[in-house]
C-alpha atoms as a PDB file:
ATOM      1  CA  MET A   1      63.408   3.745 -69.026  1.00  0.00           C
ATOM      2  CA  LEU A   2      63.379   0.334 -67.397  1.00  0.00           C
ATOM      3  CA  TYR A   3      64.914  -0.122 -63.929  1.00  0.00           C
ATOM      4  CA  TRP A   4      65.027  -3.226 -61.692  1.00  0.00           C
ATOM      5  CA  PRO A   5      64.811  -2.358 -57.938  1.00  0.00           C
ATOM      6  CA  GLN A   6      65.471  -5.922 -56.851  1.00  0.00           C
ATOM      7  CA  SER A   7      68.375  -7.047 -54.682  1.00  0.00           C
ATOM      8  CA  PRO A   8      70.160 -10.241 -55.757  1.00  0.00           C
ATOM      9  CA  SER A   9      69.941 -12.746 -52.932  1.00  0.00           C
ATOM     10  CA  THR A  10      72.793 -15.010 -51.885  1.00  0.00           C
ATOM     11  CA  GLN A  11      71.153 -17.833 -53.812  1.00  0.00           C
ATOM     12  CA  VAL A  12      71.064 -15.733 -56.987  1.00  0.00           C
ATOM     13  CA  VAL A  13      74.753 -14.865 -56.665  1.00  0.00           C
ATOM     14  CA  ASN A  14      75.699 -18.480 -56.007  1.00  0.00           C
ATOM     15  CA  ASP A  15      73.607 -19.718 -58.932  1.00  0.00           C
ATOM     16  CA  LEU A  16      75.155 -17.153 -61.244  1.00  0.00           C
ATOM     17  CA  GLN A  17      78.651 -18.213 -60.321  1.00  0.00           C
ATOM     18  CA  LYS A  18      77.644 -21.826 -61.023  1.00  0.00           C
ATOM     19  CA  GLY A  19      76.270 -20.882 -64.432  1.00  0.00           C
ATOM     20  CA  ASP A  20      72.603 -21.320 -63.439  1.00  0.00           C
ATOM     21  CA  TYR A  21      70.706 -18.249 -64.706  1.00  0.00           C
ATOM     22  CA  SER A  22      67.117 -19.377 -64.046  1.00  0.00           C
ATOM     23  CA  THR A  23      66.851 -17.826 -60.566  1.00  0.00           C
ATOM     24  CA  ALA A  24      68.559 -14.597 -61.573  1.00  0.00           C
ATOM     25  CA  LEU A  25      66.251 -14.087 -64.531  1.00  0.00           C
ATOM     26  CA  GLN A  26      63.273 -13.998 -62.170  1.00  0.00           C
ATOM     27  CA  MET A  27      64.553 -10.596 -61.034  1.00  0.00           C
ATOM     28  CA  LEU A  28      63.778  -9.229 -64.483  1.00  0.00           C
ATOM     29  CA  ASN A  29      60.064  -9.675 -63.822  1.00  0.00           C
ATOM     30  CA  TYR A  30      60.124  -6.731 -61.401  1.00  0.00           C
ATOM     31  CA  GLY A  31      61.216  -3.958 -63.736  1.00  0.00           C
ATOM     32  CA  VAL A  32      59.634  -0.512 -63.383  1.00  0.00           C
ATOM     33  CA  CYS A  33      59.495   2.543 -65.629  1.00  0.00           C
ATOM     34  CA  VAL A  34      61.513   5.501 -64.346  1.00  0.00           C
ATOM     35  CA  LYS A  35      62.065   9.024 -65.685  1.00  0.00           C
ATOM     36  CA  THR A  36      65.749   9.069 -64.774  1.00  0.00           C
ATOM     37  CA  CYS A  37      68.119   6.283 -63.805  1.00  0.00           C
ATOM     38  CA  PRO A  38      68.420   6.146 -59.981  1.00  0.00           C
ATOM     39  CA  THR A  39      71.688   6.635 -58.133  1.00  0.00           C
ATOM     40  CA  ALA A  40      72.971   4.822 -55.083  1.00  0.00           C
ATOM     41  CA  THR A  41      71.910   7.706 -52.791  1.00  0.00           C
ATOM     42  CA  THR A  42      68.980   6.447 -50.709  1.00  0.00           C
ATOM     43  CA  SER A  43      67.775   9.960 -49.825  1.00  0.00           C
ATOM     44  CA  GLU A  44      66.953  10.792 -53.445  1.00  0.00           C
ATOM     45  CA  PRO A  45      63.423   9.769 -54.471  1.00  0.00           C
ATOM     46  CA  VAL A  46      62.859   7.447 -57.420  1.00  0.00           C
ATOM     47  CA  ASP A  47      60.331   8.921 -59.832  1.00  0.00           C
ATOM     48  CA  CYS A  48      58.697   5.851 -61.340  1.00  0.00           C
ATOM     49  CA  LYS A  49      55.462   4.081 -62.201  1.00  0.00           C
ATOM     50  CA  VAL A  50      54.507   1.831 -59.294  1.00  0.00           C
ATOM     51  CA  THR A  51      53.512  -1.660 -60.405  1.00  0.00           C
ATOM     52  CA  THR A  52      50.681  -3.745 -59.005  1.00  0.00           C
ATOM     53  CA  TYR A  53      53.207  -6.077 -57.419  1.00  0.00           C
ATOM     54  CA  GLN A  54      54.896  -3.226 -55.570  1.00  0.00           C
ATOM     55  CA  ALA A  55      51.633  -1.697 -54.431  1.00  0.00           C
ATOM     56  CA  GLY A  56      50.725  -4.959 -52.712  1.00  0.00           C
ATOM     57  CA  ASN A  57      54.137  -5.738 -51.233  1.00  0.00           C
ATOM     58  CA  ASN A  58      55.267  -4.121 -47.979  1.00  0.00           C
ATOM     59  CA  LEU A  59      58.914  -4.532 -48.981  1.00  0.00           C
ATOM     60  CA  TYR A  60      58.494  -1.804 -51.624  1.00  0.00           C
ATOM     61  CA  THR A  61      57.694   1.868 -51.259  1.00  0.00           C
ATOM     62  CA  ASP A  62      58.202   4.591 -53.831  1.00  0.00           C
ATOM     63  CA  CYS A  63      59.743   2.003 -56.152  1.00  0.00           C
ATOM     64  CA  VAL A  64      62.551   1.260 -53.684  1.00  0.00           C
ATOM     65  CA  TYR A  65      63.229  -2.216 -52.361  1.00  0.00           C
ATOM     66  CA  TYR A  66      63.701  -2.760 -48.611  1.00  0.00           C
ATOM     67  CA  PRO A  67      65.582  -5.990 -47.949  1.00  0.00           C
ATOM     68  CA  ASP A  68      64.527  -6.097 -44.265  1.00  0.00           C
ATOM     69  CA  ARG A  69      61.840  -8.782 -44.038  1.00  0.00           C
ATOM     70  CA  THR A  70      60.168  -7.355 -40.905  1.00  0.00           C
ATOM     71  CA  SER A  71      59.288  -3.766 -41.733  1.00  0.00           C
ATOM     72  CA  ILE A  72      60.058  -1.239 -44.446  1.00  0.00           C
ATOM     73  CA  TYR A  73      60.885   1.302 -41.730  1.00  0.00           C
ATOM     74  CA  ASN A  74      63.570  -0.775 -40.043  1.00  0.00           C
ATOM     75  CA  GLY A  75      65.593  -1.663 -43.117  1.00  0.00           C
ATOM     76  CA  THR A  76      67.819   0.308 -45.447  1.00  0.00           C
ATOM     77  CA  PRO A  77      66.427   0.803 -48.951  1.00  0.00           C
ATOM     78  CA  PHE A  78      68.229  -1.225 -51.569  1.00  0.00           C
ATOM     79  CA  ARG A  79      69.670   1.225 -54.114  1.00  0.00           C
ATOM     80  CA  TYR A  80      72.456   0.926 -56.611  1.00  0.00           C
ATOM     81  CA  GLU A  81      74.188   3.169 -59.086  1.00  0.00           C
ATOM     82  CA  SER A  82      72.608   2.631 -62.500  1.00  0.00           C
ATOM     83  CA  LEU A  83      73.756   3.527 -66.001  1.00  0.00           C
ATOM     84  CA  ASN A  84      71.543   4.961 -68.735  1.00  0.00           C
ATOM     85  CA  VAL A  85      71.631   2.833 -71.893  1.00  0.00           C
ATOM     86  CA  LEU A  86      70.091   4.533 -74.969  1.00  0.00           C
ATOM     87  CA  ASN A  87      67.406   6.135 -72.804  1.00  0.00           C
ATOM     88  CA  ALA A  88      65.752   2.713 -72.628  1.00  0.00           C
ATOM     89  CA  PHE A  89      67.419   0.715 -69.830  1.00  0.00           C
ATOM     90  CA  CYS A  90      68.956   1.471 -66.440  1.00  0.00           C
ATOM     91  CA  ILE A  91      71.567  -1.210 -65.895  1.00  0.00           C
ATOM     92  CA  PRO A  92      73.575  -1.643 -62.670  1.00  0.00           C
ATOM     93  CA  ASN A  93      77.105  -0.342 -62.411  1.00  0.00           C
ATOM     94  CA  ALA A  94      79.451  -3.283 -62.799  1.00  0.00           C
ATOM     95  CA  SER A  95      80.977  -3.104 -59.314  1.00  0.00           C
ATOM     96  CA  ASP A  96      78.371  -1.253 -57.280  1.00  0.00           C
ATOM     97  CA  TYR A  97      76.745  -4.081 -55.362  1.00  0.00           C
ATOM     98  CA  VAL A  98      78.112  -7.265 -56.960  1.00  0.00           C
ATOM     99  CA  ASP A  99      81.590  -8.288 -57.996  1.00  0.00           C
ATOM    100  CA  GLN A 100      82.701  -8.205 -61.616  1.00  0.00           C
ATOM    101  CA  GLN A 101      82.291 -11.951 -62.113  1.00  0.00           C
ATOM    102  CA  THR A 102      78.684 -11.890 -60.912  1.00  0.00           C
ATOM    103  CA  TYR A 103      77.935  -8.841 -63.019  1.00  0.00           C
ATOM    104  CA  GLU A 104      79.308 -10.462 -66.169  1.00  0.00           C
ATOM    105  CA  SER A 105      77.378 -13.657 -65.413  1.00  0.00           C
ATOM    106  CA  PHE A 106      74.127 -11.749 -64.985  1.00  0.00           C
ATOM    107  CA  LYS A 107      74.753  -9.777 -68.182  1.00  0.00           C
ATOM    108  CA  THR A 108      75.279 -13.045 -70.041  1.00  0.00           C
ATOM    109  CA  ALA A 109      72.061 -14.402 -68.549  1.00  0.00           C
ATOM    110  CA  PHE A 110      70.145 -11.292 -69.542  1.00  0.00           C
ATOM    111  CA  PHE A 111      71.259 -11.273 -73.169  1.00  0.00           C
ATOM    112  CA  SER A 112      70.756 -15.009 -73.562  1.00  0.00           C
ATOM    113  CA  SER A 113      67.207 -14.865 -72.186  1.00  0.00           C
ATOM    114  CA  VAL A 114      63.974 -14.040 -73.960  1.00  0.00           C
ATOM    115  CA  TYR A 115      64.565 -10.401 -73.017  1.00  0.00           C
ATOM    116  CA  GLY A 116      67.837 -10.433 -74.847  1.00  0.00           C
ATOM    117  CA  GLN A 117      66.335 -11.929 -77.977  1.00  0.00           C
ATOM    118  CA  THR A 118      64.639  -8.659 -78.924  1.00  0.00           C
ATOM    119  CA  ALA A 119      65.206  -5.089 -77.759  1.00  0.00           C
ATOM    120  CA  GLY A 120      67.936  -6.021 -75.303  1.00  0.00           C
ATOM    121  CA  VAL A 121      70.132  -7.541 -77.994  1.00  0.00           C
ATOM    122  CA  TRP A 122      69.514  -4.562 -80.273  1.00  0.00           C
ATOM    123  CA  ALA A 123      70.584  -2.094 -77.621  1.00  0.00           C
ATOM    124  CA  TYR A 124      73.622  -4.194 -76.681  1.00  0.00           C
ATOM    125  CA  ASN A 125      74.699  -4.592 -80.305  1.00  0.00           C
ATOM    126  CA  ILE A 126      74.328  -0.868 -80.972  1.00  0.00           C
ATOM    127  CA  MET A 127      76.482  -0.090 -77.934  1.00  0.00           C
ATOM    128  CA  LYS A 128      79.183  -2.472 -79.131  1.00  0.00           C
ATOM    129  CA  ALA A 129      79.061  -1.607 -82.831  1.00  0.00           C
ATOM    130  CA  TRP A 130      78.494   2.157 -82.791  1.00  0.00           C
ATOM    131  CA  PRO A 131      81.828   2.922 -84.589  1.00  0.00           C
ATOM    132  CA  VAL A 132      80.873   0.544 -87.398  1.00  0.00           C
ATOM    133  CA  LEU A 133      77.415   2.102 -87.653  1.00  0.00           C
ATOM    134  CA  ILE A 134      78.846   5.625 -87.851  1.00  0.00           C
ATOM    135  CA  VAL A 135      81.406   4.664 -90.519  1.00  0.00           C
ATOM    136  CA  GLY A 136      78.723   2.766 -92.435  1.00  0.00           C
ATOM    137  CA  ALA A 137      76.368   5.753 -92.338  1.00  0.00           C
ATOM    138  CA  LEU A 138      79.093   8.105 -93.609  1.00  0.00           C
ATOM    139  CA  LEU A 139      80.046   5.718 -96.403  1.00  0.00           C
ATOM    140  CA  ALA A 140      76.394   5.334 -97.363  1.00  0.00           C
ATOM    141  CA  VAL A 141      76.074   9.116 -97.700  1.00  0.00           C
ATOM    142  CA  VAL A 142      79.289   9.367 -99.758  1.00  0.00           C
ATOM    143  CA  PHE A 143      78.404   6.532-102.131  1.00  0.00           C
ATOM    144  CA  GLY A 144      74.822   7.773-102.348  1.00  0.00           C
ATOM    145  CA  TYR A 145      75.978  11.171-103.601  1.00  0.00           C
ATOM    146  CA  LEU A 146      78.448   9.527-105.982  1.00  0.00           C
ATOM    147  CA  TYR A 147      75.604   7.440-107.391  1.00  0.00           C
ATOM    148  CA  LEU A 148      73.455  10.553-107.906  1.00  0.00           C
ATOM    149  CA  PHE A 149      76.390  12.326-109.564  1.00  0.00           C
ATOM    150  CA  VAL A 150      76.894   9.406-111.959  1.00  0.00           C
ATOM    151  CA  ILE A 151      73.165   9.317-112.731  1.00  0.00           C
ATOM    152  CA  ARG A 152      73.217  13.030-113.612  1.00  0.00           C
ATOM    153  CA  LEU A 153      76.159  12.528-115.961  1.00  0.00           C
ATOM    154  CA  ILE A 154      75.441   9.243-117.750  1.00  0.00           C
ATOM    155  CA  GLY A 155      72.024   8.167-116.461  1.00  0.00           C
ATOM    156  CA  GLY A 156      70.477   8.424-119.917  1.00  0.00           C
ATOM    157  CA  ALA A 157      73.240   6.377-121.529  1.00  0.00           C
ATOM    158  CA  ILE A 158      72.887   3.691-118.867  1.00  0.00           C
ATOM    159  CA  ILE A 159      69.161   3.356-119.553  1.00  0.00           C
ATOM    160  CA  TRP A 160      69.556   3.214-123.361  1.00  0.00           C
ATOM    161  CA  ILE A 161      72.390   0.701-123.066  1.00  0.00           C
ATOM    162  CA  SER A 162      70.181  -1.404-120.784  1.00  0.00           C
ATOM    163  CA  PHE A 163      67.384  -1.415-123.388  1.00  0.00           C
ATOM    164  CA  VAL A 164      69.824  -2.371-126.164  1.00  0.00           C
ATOM    165  CA  LEU A 165      71.287  -5.164-124.050  1.00  0.00           C
ATOM    166  CA  ILE A 166      67.801  -6.512-123.356  1.00  0.00           C
ATOM    167  CA  VAL A 167      67.011  -6.688-127.076  1.00  0.00           C
ATOM    168  CA  LEU A 168      70.410  -8.161-127.940  1.00  0.00           C
ATOM    169  CA  SER A 169      70.248 -10.751-125.148  1.00  0.00           C
ATOM    170  CA  MET A 170      66.889 -12.063-126.372  1.00  0.00           C
ATOM    171  CA  THR A 171      68.108 -12.036-129.984  1.00  0.00           C
ATOM    172  CA  PHE A 172      71.298 -13.938-129.237  1.00  0.00           C
ATOM    173  CA  GLY A 173      69.362 -16.205-126.885  1.00  0.00           C
ATOM    174  CA  GLY A 174      67.189 -17.191-129.822  1.00  0.00           C
ATOM    175  CA  PHE A 175      70.233 -17.858-132.018  1.00  0.00           C
ATOM    176  CA  TYR A 176      71.875 -19.910-129.252  1.00  0.00           C
ATOM    177  CA  THR A 177      68.757 -21.982-128.744  1.00  0.00           C
ATOM    178  CA  TYR A 178      68.075 -22.539-132.441  1.00  0.00           C
ATOM    179  CA  PHE A 179      71.580 -23.098-133.819  1.00  0.00           C
ATOM    180  CA  TYR A 180      73.438 -24.609-130.829  1.00  0.00           C
ATOM    181  CA  LEU A 181      71.061 -26.336-128.412  1.00  0.00           C
ATOM    182  CA  ARG A 182      68.510 -27.621-130.912  1.00  0.00           C
ATOM    183  CA  PRO A 183      71.022 -29.611-133.054  1.00  0.00           C
ATOM    184  CA  THR A 184      72.185 -31.517-129.949  1.00  0.00           C
ATOM    185  CA  TYR A 185      68.834 -33.379-129.912  1.00  0.00           C
ATOM    186  CA  ASP A 186      67.472 -35.876-132.371  1.00  0.00           C
ATOM    187  CA  PRO A 187      64.651 -34.416-134.530  1.00  0.00           C
ATOM    188  CA  SER A 188      62.362 -37.174-133.242  1.00  0.00           C
ATOM    189  CA  ASN A 189      62.841 -35.919-129.670  1.00  0.00           C
ATOM    190  CA  PRO A 190      60.080 -33.501-128.558  1.00  0.00           C
ATOM    191  CA  THR A 191      62.733 -31.254-127.003  1.00  0.00           C
ATOM    192  CA  TYR A 192      63.997 -30.525-130.527  1.00  0.00           C
ATOM    193  CA  ASP A 193      60.670 -28.874-131.397  1.00  0.00           C
ATOM    194  CA  TYR A 194      60.381 -27.146-128.004  1.00  0.00           C
ATOM    195  CA  LEU A 195      63.759 -25.457-128.491  1.00  0.00           C
ATOM    196  CA  GLU A 196      62.742 -24.313-131.953  1.00  0.00           C
ATOM    197  CA  TYR A 197      59.523 -22.780-130.619  1.00  0.00           C
ATOM    198  CA  GLY A 198      61.487 -21.189-127.781  1.00  0.00           C
ATOM    199  CA  SER A 199      63.900 -19.534-130.185  1.00  0.00           C
ATOM    200  CA  TYR A 200      60.969 -18.134-132.184  1.00  0.00           C
ATOM    201  CA  ALA A 201      59.485 -16.762-128.954  1.00  0.00           C
ATOM    202  CA  LEU A 202      62.752 -15.051-128.014  1.00  0.00           C
ATOM    203  CA  TRP A 203      63.075 -13.464-131.452  1.00  0.00           C
ATOM    204  CA  GLY A 204      59.484 -12.320-131.300  1.00  0.00           C
ATOM    205  CA  LEU A 205      59.974 -10.723-127.882  1.00  0.00           C
ATOM    206  CA  ALA A 206      63.143  -9.025-129.099  1.00  0.00           C
ATOM    207  CA  GLY A 207      61.276  -7.591-132.082  1.00  0.00           C
ATOM    208  CA  LEU A 208      58.316  -6.429-130.007  1.00  0.00           C
ATOM    209  CA  THR A 209      60.656  -4.742-127.532  1.00  0.00           C
ATOM    210  CA  ALA A 210      62.540  -2.967-130.306  1.00  0.00           C
ATOM    211  CA  ILE A 211      59.285  -1.779-131.884  1.00  0.00           C
ATOM    212  CA  ALA A 212      57.983  -0.596-128.512  1.00  0.00           C
ATOM    213  CA  LEU A 213      61.176   1.388-127.885  1.00  0.00           C
ATOM    214  CA  CYS A 214      60.907   3.038-131.304  1.00  0.00           C
ATOM    215  CA  CYS A 215      57.249   3.922-130.752  1.00  0.00           C
ATOM    216  CA  CYS A 216      57.868   5.190-127.212  1.00  0.00           C
ATOM    217  CA  TYR A 217      61.111   6.983-127.984  1.00  0.00           C
ATOM    218  CA  ASN A 218      59.854  10.402-126.858  1.00  0.00           C
ATOM    219  CA  ALA A 219      58.277   8.940-123.717  1.00  0.00           C
ATOM    220  CA  VAL A 220      61.550   7.200-122.820  1.00  0.00           C
ATOM    221  CA  LYS A 221      63.469  10.448-123.330  1.00  0.00           C
ATOM    222  CA  LEU A 222      60.982  12.255-121.050  1.00  0.00           C
ATOM    223  CA  GLY A 223      61.335   9.535-118.426  1.00  0.00           C
ATOM    224  CA  ILE A 224      65.124   9.810-118.521  1.00  0.00           C
ATOM    225  CA  ALA A 225      64.908  13.590-118.128  1.00  0.00           C
ATOM    226  CA  VAL A 226      62.617  13.216-115.098  1.00  0.00           C
ATOM    227  CA  PHE A 227      64.971  10.573-113.672  1.00  0.00           C
ATOM    228  CA  LYS A 228      68.019  12.826-114.016  1.00  0.00           C
ATOM    229  CA  THR A 229      66.129  15.865-112.667  1.00  0.00           C
ATOM    230  CA  THR A 230      65.057  13.860-109.630  1.00  0.00           C
ATOM    231  CA  ALA A 231      68.667  12.851-108.991  1.00  0.00           C
ATOM    232  CA  GLN A 232      69.720  16.502-109.264  1.00  0.00           C
ATOM    233  CA  TYR A 233      66.945  17.572-106.879  1.00  0.00           C
ATOM    234  CA  ILE A 234      67.930  14.973-104.278  1.00  0.00           C
END
């Protein structure tokens, strides 16, 4: 999980309240990976992966930030109560070390930054929309089983009707092109001939499809049986 052991300075707080997020977003560069989200208790160790920046900075030790600028032994470690979000982020408690206005401003800055354009936005949206996701998942299961039930009952009829409609649509398309569209053009117009050839092509495709269905009748029946058996198995 990602945790930010960085104290917001007075400048950061002031900038946030003014709507300037650029300084605050620099804090996000100092995130560390932790096994569990830290609490505000300074005596509890923080089990984390020390970064190169922390290893070379005397204001950090054991992934804890010491705001005292003179020595890490003279200051009090900066710790705050953090909340676990989807086992991916450790975000600060809203009122632990900043007021509610500052917290909301920083949250807005976070989700409007480059961090919030990817995983951050996903996690935030899931947190906000979890009831919709649960209802959607349940409805998907219900309608999925209804679909399988319908396929088991009338799946074969649906497939045969689809084949018949394909043949009929090409047949009537040819009639429409030949007897309705073609007469709207003058015989000297090349479109007149194109529409005639198009109608012949549609009739030819309709005939070939009908012949193919007759020749492959047993194969189509076998395919329908496999289709319905698969639906029953699922």
